[in-house]
Protein backbone atom coordinates (compact mmCIF):
# COMPACT_ATOMS: atom_id res chain seq x y z
CA MET A 1 26.83 -73.84 103.43
CA LYS A 2 30.25 -75.46 104.08
CA PHE A 3 32.40 -74.74 101.02
CA PHE A 4 35.17 -77.10 102.02
CA GLU A 5 32.86 -80.11 101.74
CA SER A 6 32.21 -79.60 97.96
CA THR A 7 34.74 -78.15 95.52
CA VAL A 8 32.08 -78.31 92.84
CA LYS A 9 29.74 -76.05 94.75
CA VAL A 10 32.57 -73.63 95.32
CA ARG A 11 33.37 -73.47 91.61
CA TYR A 12 29.71 -72.81 90.66
CA PHE A 13 29.37 -70.19 93.26
CA ILE A 14 32.57 -68.35 92.12
CA LEU A 15 31.29 -68.55 88.57
CA PHE A 16 27.95 -67.09 89.49
CA VAL A 17 29.45 -64.23 91.45
CA SER A 18 31.94 -63.55 88.67
CA VAL A 19 29.19 -63.12 86.09
CA ILE A 20 27.24 -60.85 88.42
CA VAL A 21 30.19 -58.60 89.29
CA ILE A 22 31.35 -58.44 85.71
CA GLY A 23 27.80 -57.47 84.61
CA ILE A 24 27.64 -54.71 87.24
CA VAL A 25 31.01 -53.33 86.38
CA VAL A 26 30.34 -53.23 82.66
CA TRP A 27 26.97 -51.59 83.17
CA ASN A 28 28.39 -48.84 85.46
CA ILE A 29 31.21 -48.07 83.17
CA SER A 30 28.89 -47.99 80.13
CA VAL A 31 26.63 -45.43 81.89
CA PHE A 32 29.70 -43.39 82.87
CA TYR A 33 31.12 -43.50 79.47
CA GLU A 34 27.90 -42.45 77.75
CA GLY A 35 27.50 -39.56 80.28
CA ILE A 36 30.89 -38.12 79.35
CA LYS A 37 30.19 -38.67 75.66
CA LYS A 38 26.93 -36.56 75.97
CA GLU A 39 28.99 -33.87 77.64
CA GLU A 40 31.57 -33.75 74.80
CA ARG A 41 28.68 -33.69 72.28
CA GLU A 42 27.33 -30.51 74.04
CA LYS A 43 30.81 -29.07 74.13
CA MET A 44 31.23 -29.48 70.39
CA ARG A 45 27.80 -28.03 69.72
CA ILE A 46 28.85 -24.92 71.60
CA TRP A 47 32.14 -24.93 69.65
CA SER A 48 30.36 -25.09 66.34
CA SER A 49 28.07 -22.18 67.32
CA ALA A 50 31.07 -20.20 68.12
CA GLN A 51 32.64 -21.17 64.73
CA ALA A 52 29.33 -20.12 62.98
CA SER A 53 29.34 -16.70 64.79
CA ILE A 54 32.88 -16.03 63.64
CA GLY A 55 32.01 -16.95 60.05
CA LYS A 56 29.07 -14.57 60.00
CA ALA A 57 30.57 -11.74 62.05
CA GLY A 58 31.31 -8.21 60.76
CA GLU A 59 34.62 -6.54 60.89
CA GLU A 60 33.87 -4.48 64.06
CA GLN A 61 32.11 -7.20 66.06
CA ASP A 62 33.78 -8.33 69.45
CA LEU A 63 34.66 -12.03 69.00
CA ASN A 64 36.70 -12.53 72.21
CA LEU A 65 34.20 -14.93 73.69
CA GLU A 66 33.93 -17.00 70.50
CA LEU A 67 37.72 -17.21 70.20
CA GLU A 68 38.09 -18.28 73.81
CA ILE A 69 35.58 -21.10 73.21
CA ILE A 70 37.40 -22.20 70.10
CA ASN A 71 40.71 -22.22 71.79
CA SER A 72 39.40 -24.13 74.91
CA VAL A 73 38.95 -27.39 73.09
CA ASN A 74 42.41 -28.84 72.49
CA ASN A 75 42.00 -32.57 72.98
CA ILE A 76 39.23 -33.57 70.55
CA PRO A 77 40.26 -34.26 66.93
CA MET A 78 38.07 -32.22 64.54
CA PHE A 79 37.44 -31.94 60.81
CA ILE A 80 35.49 -29.02 59.26
CA VAL A 81 34.15 -30.23 55.92
CA THR A 82 32.52 -28.03 53.20
CA GLU A 83 29.33 -29.01 51.51
CA ASN A 84 31.15 -30.51 48.54
CA GLY A 85 33.15 -32.82 50.87
CA LYS A 86 36.50 -30.89 51.03
CA PHE A 87 38.50 -30.46 54.24
CA GLN A 88 38.12 -26.75 55.21
CA GLU A 89 40.00 -27.08 58.48
CA THR A 90 41.50 -29.72 60.93
CA ASN A 91 42.15 -29.27 64.65
CA ASN A 92 44.04 -31.27 67.33
CA ILE A 93 45.33 -33.85 64.78
CA PRO A 94 49.08 -34.95 64.87
CA GLU A 95 51.13 -33.11 62.30
CA PRO A 96 52.44 -36.32 60.63
CA ILE A 97 48.94 -37.29 59.80
CA VAL A 98 47.95 -33.85 58.55
CA ASN A 99 51.00 -33.78 56.13
CA ASP A 100 49.99 -37.07 54.61
CA SER A 101 46.78 -36.95 52.55
CA LEU A 102 46.28 -40.63 52.61
CA LYS A 103 46.68 -41.01 56.41
CA LEU A 104 44.55 -37.88 56.92
CA ARG A 105 41.76 -39.40 54.86
CA GLN A 106 42.00 -42.68 56.83
CA PHE A 107 41.95 -40.86 60.05
CA PHE A 108 38.86 -38.92 59.01
CA GLU A 109 37.08 -42.25 58.20
CA SER A 110 37.77 -43.54 61.73
CA VAL A 111 36.58 -40.19 63.27
CA ASN A 112 33.50 -40.19 61.02
CA GLY A 113 32.29 -43.47 62.60
CA GLN A 114 32.58 -42.26 66.22
CA ASN A 115 30.07 -39.42 66.40
CA GLU A 116 27.30 -37.82 64.26
CA PRO A 117 28.53 -34.69 62.44
CA ILE A 118 27.28 -31.22 63.61
CA ILE A 119 26.04 -28.73 61.04
CA ILE A 120 27.66 -25.23 61.09
CA ASP A 121 25.16 -22.75 59.60
CA LEU A 122 27.14 -19.85 58.03
CA GLY A 123 24.02 -18.01 56.77
CA ASP A 124 24.42 -16.79 53.21
CA ALA A 125 27.76 -18.51 52.89
CA GLY A 126 26.05 -21.87 53.21
CA GLN A 127 26.89 -24.70 55.54
CA GLN A 128 29.84 -26.57 56.89
CA TYR A 129 29.96 -29.98 58.74
CA LEU A 130 31.96 -30.66 61.93
CA TYR A 131 33.20 -34.24 62.33
CA TYR A 132 34.82 -34.99 65.60
CA GLY A 133 36.24 -37.97 67.43
CA ASP A 134 36.50 -39.12 71.13
CA SER A 135 38.78 -37.03 73.31
CA SER A 136 41.94 -38.52 74.72
CA THR A 137 40.18 -38.68 78.14
CA LEU A 138 37.25 -40.59 76.75
CA THR A 139 39.63 -43.01 75.06
CA LYS A 140 41.51 -43.60 78.31
CA ILE A 141 38.18 -44.40 80.12
CA LYS A 142 37.75 -47.32 77.78
CA TYR A 143 40.56 -49.15 79.71
CA TYR A 144 38.92 -48.48 83.12
CA PRO A 145 36.69 -51.55 82.96
CA PHE A 146 39.70 -53.81 82.25
CA VAL A 147 41.52 -52.58 85.31
CA LEU A 148 38.54 -53.24 87.52
CA LEU A 149 37.93 -56.64 85.90
CA LEU A 150 41.56 -57.57 86.51
CA ILE A 151 41.13 -56.79 90.28
CA VAL A 152 37.91 -58.77 90.36
CA PHE A 153 39.48 -61.76 88.64
CA LEU A 154 42.61 -61.57 90.91
CA LEU A 155 40.45 -61.65 94.01
CA LEU A 156 38.28 -64.48 92.72
CA GLY A 157 41.40 -66.39 91.78
CA ILE A 158 42.86 -66.02 95.16
CA ILE A 159 39.62 -67.18 96.82
CA TYR A 160 39.40 -70.16 94.47
CA VAL A 161 42.99 -71.31 95.19
CA TYR A 162 42.44 -70.85 98.92
CA TYR A 163 39.33 -72.92 99.07
CA ILE A 164 40.69 -75.91 97.10
CA THR A 165 43.70 -76.22 99.37
CA SER A 166 43.20 -79.43 101.43
CA LYS A 167 45.58 -79.16 104.39
CA ASN A 168 45.00 -76.63 107.17
CA SER A 169 48.64 -75.58 107.37
CA GLU A 170 48.74 -75.06 103.56
CA LYS A 171 45.54 -73.04 103.83
CA ASN A 172 47.01 -70.70 106.42
CA MET A 173 50.19 -70.09 104.44
CA LEU A 174 48.37 -69.57 101.27
CA TRP A 175 45.89 -67.20 102.76
CA ALA A 176 48.64 -65.02 104.11
CA GLY A 177 50.69 -65.05 100.98
CA MET A 178 47.72 -64.46 98.62
CA ALA A 179 46.43 -61.69 100.77
CA LYS A 180 49.77 -59.83 100.56
CA GLU A 181 49.93 -60.56 96.89
CA THR A 182 46.45 -59.12 96.51
CA ALA A 183 47.36 -55.91 98.20
CA HIS A 184 50.45 -55.58 96.04
CA GLN A 185 48.65 -56.33 92.79
CA ILE A 186 45.77 -54.01 93.51
CA GLY A 187 48.18 -51.15 94.50
CA THR A 188 49.40 -50.68 90.87
CA PRO A 189 46.13 -50.33 89.10
CA LEU A 190 44.78 -48.42 92.08
CA SER A 191 47.62 -45.74 91.61
CA SER A 192 46.71 -45.61 88.01
CA LEU A 193 42.95 -45.05 88.83
CA VAL A 194 43.87 -42.13 91.13
CA GLY A 195 45.89 -40.59 88.29
CA TRP A 196 43.00 -40.89 85.91
CA MET A 197 40.72 -39.23 88.50
CA GLU A 198 42.98 -36.11 88.36
CA ILE A 199 42.68 -36.16 84.51
CA LEU A 200 38.85 -36.37 84.71
CA ARG A 201 38.76 -33.43 87.17
CA SER A 202 40.88 -31.32 84.77
CA GLU A 203 38.38 -32.09 81.98
CA ASN A 204 35.48 -30.67 84.06
CA VAL A 205 33.70 -34.10 84.09
CA ASN A 206 30.32 -34.29 85.93
CA PRO A 207 31.26 -34.17 89.76
CA GLU A 208 28.66 -36.85 90.47
CA TYR A 209 30.51 -39.29 88.30
CA ILE A 210 33.77 -38.53 90.01
CA LEU A 211 32.14 -39.02 93.42
CA GLU A 212 30.94 -42.46 92.63
CA ILE A 213 34.36 -43.60 91.34
CA GLU A 214 36.07 -42.08 94.43
CA LYS A 215 33.81 -44.23 96.68
CA ASP A 216 34.99 -47.36 94.86
CA ILE A 217 38.66 -46.24 95.01
CA ASN A 218 38.50 -45.52 98.71
CA ARG A 219 36.95 -48.92 99.42
CA LEU A 220 39.73 -50.50 97.37
CA LYS A 221 42.30 -48.64 99.49
CA THR A 222 40.73 -49.99 102.64
CA ILE A 223 40.74 -53.54 101.32
CA THR A 224 44.39 -53.17 100.18
CA GLU A 225 45.53 -51.87 103.60
CA ARG A 226 43.82 -54.78 105.40
CA PHE A 227 45.12 -57.40 103.06
CA SER A 228 48.64 -55.97 103.11
CA LYS A 229 48.72 -56.57 106.98
CA VAL A 230 47.71 -60.22 106.76
CA GLY A 231 50.83 -62.44 106.95
CA SER A 232 53.08 -59.60 107.90
CA ASN A 233 55.23 -59.25 110.97
CA LEU A 234 53.37 -56.37 112.38
CA ALA A 235 54.94 -53.96 114.83
CA LEU A 236 52.08 -53.27 117.27
CA GLU A 237 51.83 -49.80 118.56
CA ARG A 238 50.70 -48.54 121.98
CA SER A 239 47.38 -47.06 121.29
CA SER A 240 44.09 -46.10 123.03
CA LEU A 241 41.55 -49.00 123.07
CA ASN A 242 38.84 -46.39 123.79
CA VAL A 243 39.55 -44.57 120.58
CA ALA A 244 39.92 -47.69 118.41
CA VAL A 245 36.68 -49.24 119.72
CA GLU A 246 34.76 -45.93 119.43
CA ASN A 247 35.95 -45.28 115.94
CA SER A 248 34.81 -48.79 114.86
CA TYR A 249 31.54 -48.24 116.67
CA ASN A 250 30.84 -44.90 114.84
CA TYR A 251 31.74 -46.40 111.46
CA LEU A 252 29.42 -49.45 111.90
CA LYS A 253 26.57 -47.47 113.39
CA HIS A 254 26.30 -45.09 110.43
CA ARG A 255 26.48 -47.90 107.87
CA SER A 256 23.93 -50.32 109.38
CA SER A 257 20.28 -50.67 109.44
CA LYS A 258 18.30 -48.03 111.34
CA LEU A 259 16.35 -50.94 112.94
CA ILE A 260 19.48 -51.81 114.96
CA GLN A 261 19.72 -49.96 118.28
CA PHE A 262 23.41 -49.37 118.87
CA SER A 263 24.85 -48.58 122.28
CA ILE A 264 28.37 -48.31 123.63
CA ASP A 265 29.90 -48.46 127.11
CA LEU A 266 33.51 -47.17 127.51
CA PRO A 267 35.41 -46.51 130.68
CA ASP A 268 36.15 -42.89 131.60
CA GLN A 269 39.85 -43.41 131.64
CA ASP A 270 41.72 -44.42 128.34
CA LEU A 271 43.00 -47.93 128.28
CA TYR A 272 46.23 -48.39 126.39
CA CYS A 273 47.37 -51.59 124.75
CA LYS A 274 49.65 -52.73 121.98
CA LEU A 275 47.55 -53.18 118.84
CA ASN A 276 47.03 -52.49 115.17
CA PRO A 277 43.86 -50.26 114.83
CA THR A 278 43.16 -51.29 111.25
CA LEU A 279 43.02 -55.12 111.99
CA LEU A 280 41.19 -54.57 115.24
CA SER A 281 38.63 -52.55 113.47
CA TRP A 282 38.20 -55.31 110.88
CA THR A 283 37.68 -57.84 113.67
CA ILE A 284 34.91 -55.75 115.41
CA GLU A 285 33.41 -55.12 112.00
CA ASN A 286 33.22 -59.01 111.43
CA LEU A 287 31.70 -59.60 114.88
CA THR A 288 29.19 -56.76 114.43
CA LYS A 289 28.08 -57.99 110.91
CA ASN A 290 27.68 -61.53 112.33
CA ALA A 291 25.50 -60.12 115.15
CA ILE A 292 23.36 -58.12 112.70
CA ASP A 293 22.78 -61.36 110.68
CA ALA A 294 21.88 -63.27 113.77
CA MET A 295 19.23 -60.55 114.66
CA LYS A 296 18.01 -60.53 110.99
CA GLY A 297 18.59 -56.85 110.81
CA ARG A 298 16.54 -55.84 113.85
CA GLY A 299 17.44 -55.79 117.56
CA GLN A 300 19.89 -54.30 120.02
CA LEU A 301 23.63 -54.32 119.64
CA LYS A 302 26.07 -53.21 122.32
CA ILE A 303 29.85 -52.77 122.23
CA SER A 304 31.59 -52.38 125.57
CA LEU A 305 35.16 -52.11 126.89
CA CYS A 306 36.40 -53.15 130.42
CA GLU A 307 39.47 -54.60 132.10
CA ASP A 308 40.55 -57.20 134.63
CA LYS A 309 43.90 -57.94 136.18
CA LYS A 310 45.63 -59.27 133.07
CA THR A 311 43.54 -58.32 130.07
CA TYR A 312 41.43 -55.75 128.39
CA ASN A 313 38.12 -57.04 127.24
CA ILE A 314 35.94 -55.93 124.32
CA HIS A 315 32.31 -57.35 124.30
CA VAL A 316 30.05 -57.41 121.29
CA SER A 317 26.59 -58.40 122.36
CA ASP A 318 23.36 -58.86 120.39
CA THR A 319 19.73 -59.93 120.95
CA GLY A 320 19.70 -62.58 118.15
CA LYS A 321 18.75 -66.25 118.06
CA GLY A 322 21.79 -67.43 119.91
CA LEU A 323 24.10 -70.34 119.53
CA PRO A 324 24.13 -73.83 121.00
CA ALA A 325 27.10 -74.53 123.31
CA SER A 326 28.34 -77.22 120.80
CA LYS A 327 28.98 -74.50 118.25
CA PHE A 328 31.00 -72.11 120.41
CA LYS A 329 34.37 -73.29 118.93
CA THR A 330 33.08 -74.62 115.60
CA ILE A 331 31.99 -71.18 114.34
CA PHE A 332 35.70 -70.04 114.27
CA LYS A 333 36.71 -72.89 111.93
CA PRO A 334 37.39 -71.85 108.25
CA GLY A 335 34.42 -72.62 106.04
CA TYR A 336 31.86 -72.92 108.81
CA SER A 337 28.79 -70.75 108.15
CA THR A 338 25.11 -70.81 109.26
CA LYS A 339 24.13 -68.75 106.15
CA GLU A 340 23.26 -70.40 102.94
CA ARG A 341 25.63 -68.15 101.01
CA GLY A 342 28.13 -67.51 103.76
CA TRP A 343 31.88 -67.90 103.03
CA GLY A 344 32.73 -68.85 106.66
CA LEU A 345 35.88 -66.61 106.77
CA GLY A 346 34.79 -63.72 108.88
CA LEU A 347 35.14 -65.28 112.37
CA SER A 348 38.08 -67.49 111.30
CA LEU A 349 39.90 -64.40 110.12
CA SER A 350 38.96 -62.57 113.33
CA LYS A 351 40.42 -65.42 115.40
CA ARG A 352 43.65 -65.26 113.45
CA ILE A 353 43.97 -61.46 113.85
CA ILE A 354 43.41 -61.51 117.59
CA GLU A 355 45.38 -64.60 118.47
CA ASP A 356 48.21 -64.60 115.95
CA TYR A 357 48.93 -60.90 115.70
CA HIS A 358 47.66 -59.44 119.06
CA PHE A 359 48.45 -62.51 121.27
CA GLY A 360 44.94 -62.39 122.71
CA LYS A 361 41.93 -64.56 122.61
CA ILE A 362 38.53 -64.39 121.10
CA LYS A 363 35.54 -66.54 122.11
CA VAL A 364 31.80 -66.90 122.63
CA LEU A 365 31.40 -65.57 126.18
CA SER A 366 27.70 -66.51 126.50
CA SER A 367 24.77 -67.32 124.32
CA SER A 368 21.12 -68.34 124.69
CA PRO A 369 17.94 -68.10 122.65
CA GLU A 370 16.47 -65.57 125.19
CA ALA A 371 19.38 -63.28 125.67
CA GLY A 372 21.36 -63.46 122.37
CA THR A 373 25.12 -63.80 122.01
CA THR A 374 28.10 -62.11 123.50
CA PHE A 375 31.53 -62.41 121.82
CA GLU A 376 34.61 -61.39 123.90
CA ILE A 377 37.92 -60.23 122.66
CA GLN A 378 40.78 -60.31 125.27
CA LEU A 379 43.92 -58.30 124.67
CA PRO A 380 46.96 -58.58 127.03
CA LYS A 381 47.86 -55.59 128.98
CA ALA A 382 51.03 -53.74 127.83
């Protein structure tokens, strides 16, 4: 689909993607929130059991464990209420509220609606009721979806503005500027999310929840690093092409279908070139994903590195359906895609990275229905 040919189609597509992304984000946060809420419920149940043990204990009974449990909960507001509705005890509530009976009653009403009370059985002394609210950590998590949604809306807004720009020169300038702004805008909430992660660790939250959020944060870090380099005056560093290509190969191999047979061919001697490993990796990733799509997820993919008199050459070869010669240059134009839901940005961005930043060339070296397609990246020797 060629998005540049129809702004209306672009708008509907962006709207559809936005709804799907927002739904997934809200659902994941809801599951995460409920998981922590259940953990806090169990924590308060143990706390109430310790309170009941203290209430029924004899004078010589060892209560060190119970006291340790009682003192360990210091961030959840609590009310212990007698059977006749009087406040027996309050914990973790700001002193100005405790000293004002009206504010204390209002605060109790708000807490009362957050969680079901827990019964504290004191034996012959009767029963008490533990009312508790959400912890400060759980309250902060409520803002997490808004941070993620802000990032999503920011990215979608940038894509929307980019696609409705009519002139090619304006498109290029806008792409670079928006990419840098995206990296800048994501950086602030991303730092906040990292801080919240440390708070969650200190609260002994289920490690599985932490691991899933860390994956999202690490992916956002990668996206931020890539976007921050687009439109910048990069200082290329003399680096080993062997290492850069091999790292990209290993990353893609372990994250692709098992039906793809990967192979790599590197020279024995390291080839050094001025490059930016992050952007070069992005280019190889785009070419590899394009090759996998052409093979429909099944086939052979080979990445090789060689040299001639003036350049170092990286080849990405597949056994896909191939391309007609008339499309060898067209596929690098912004908006061109052979996929029904393709954005047409991957190869265009790859061309910009190689030619504008690395002063090299990228092209379709060869292609046929029988042999597949081979892309070539040429980088000038240092």
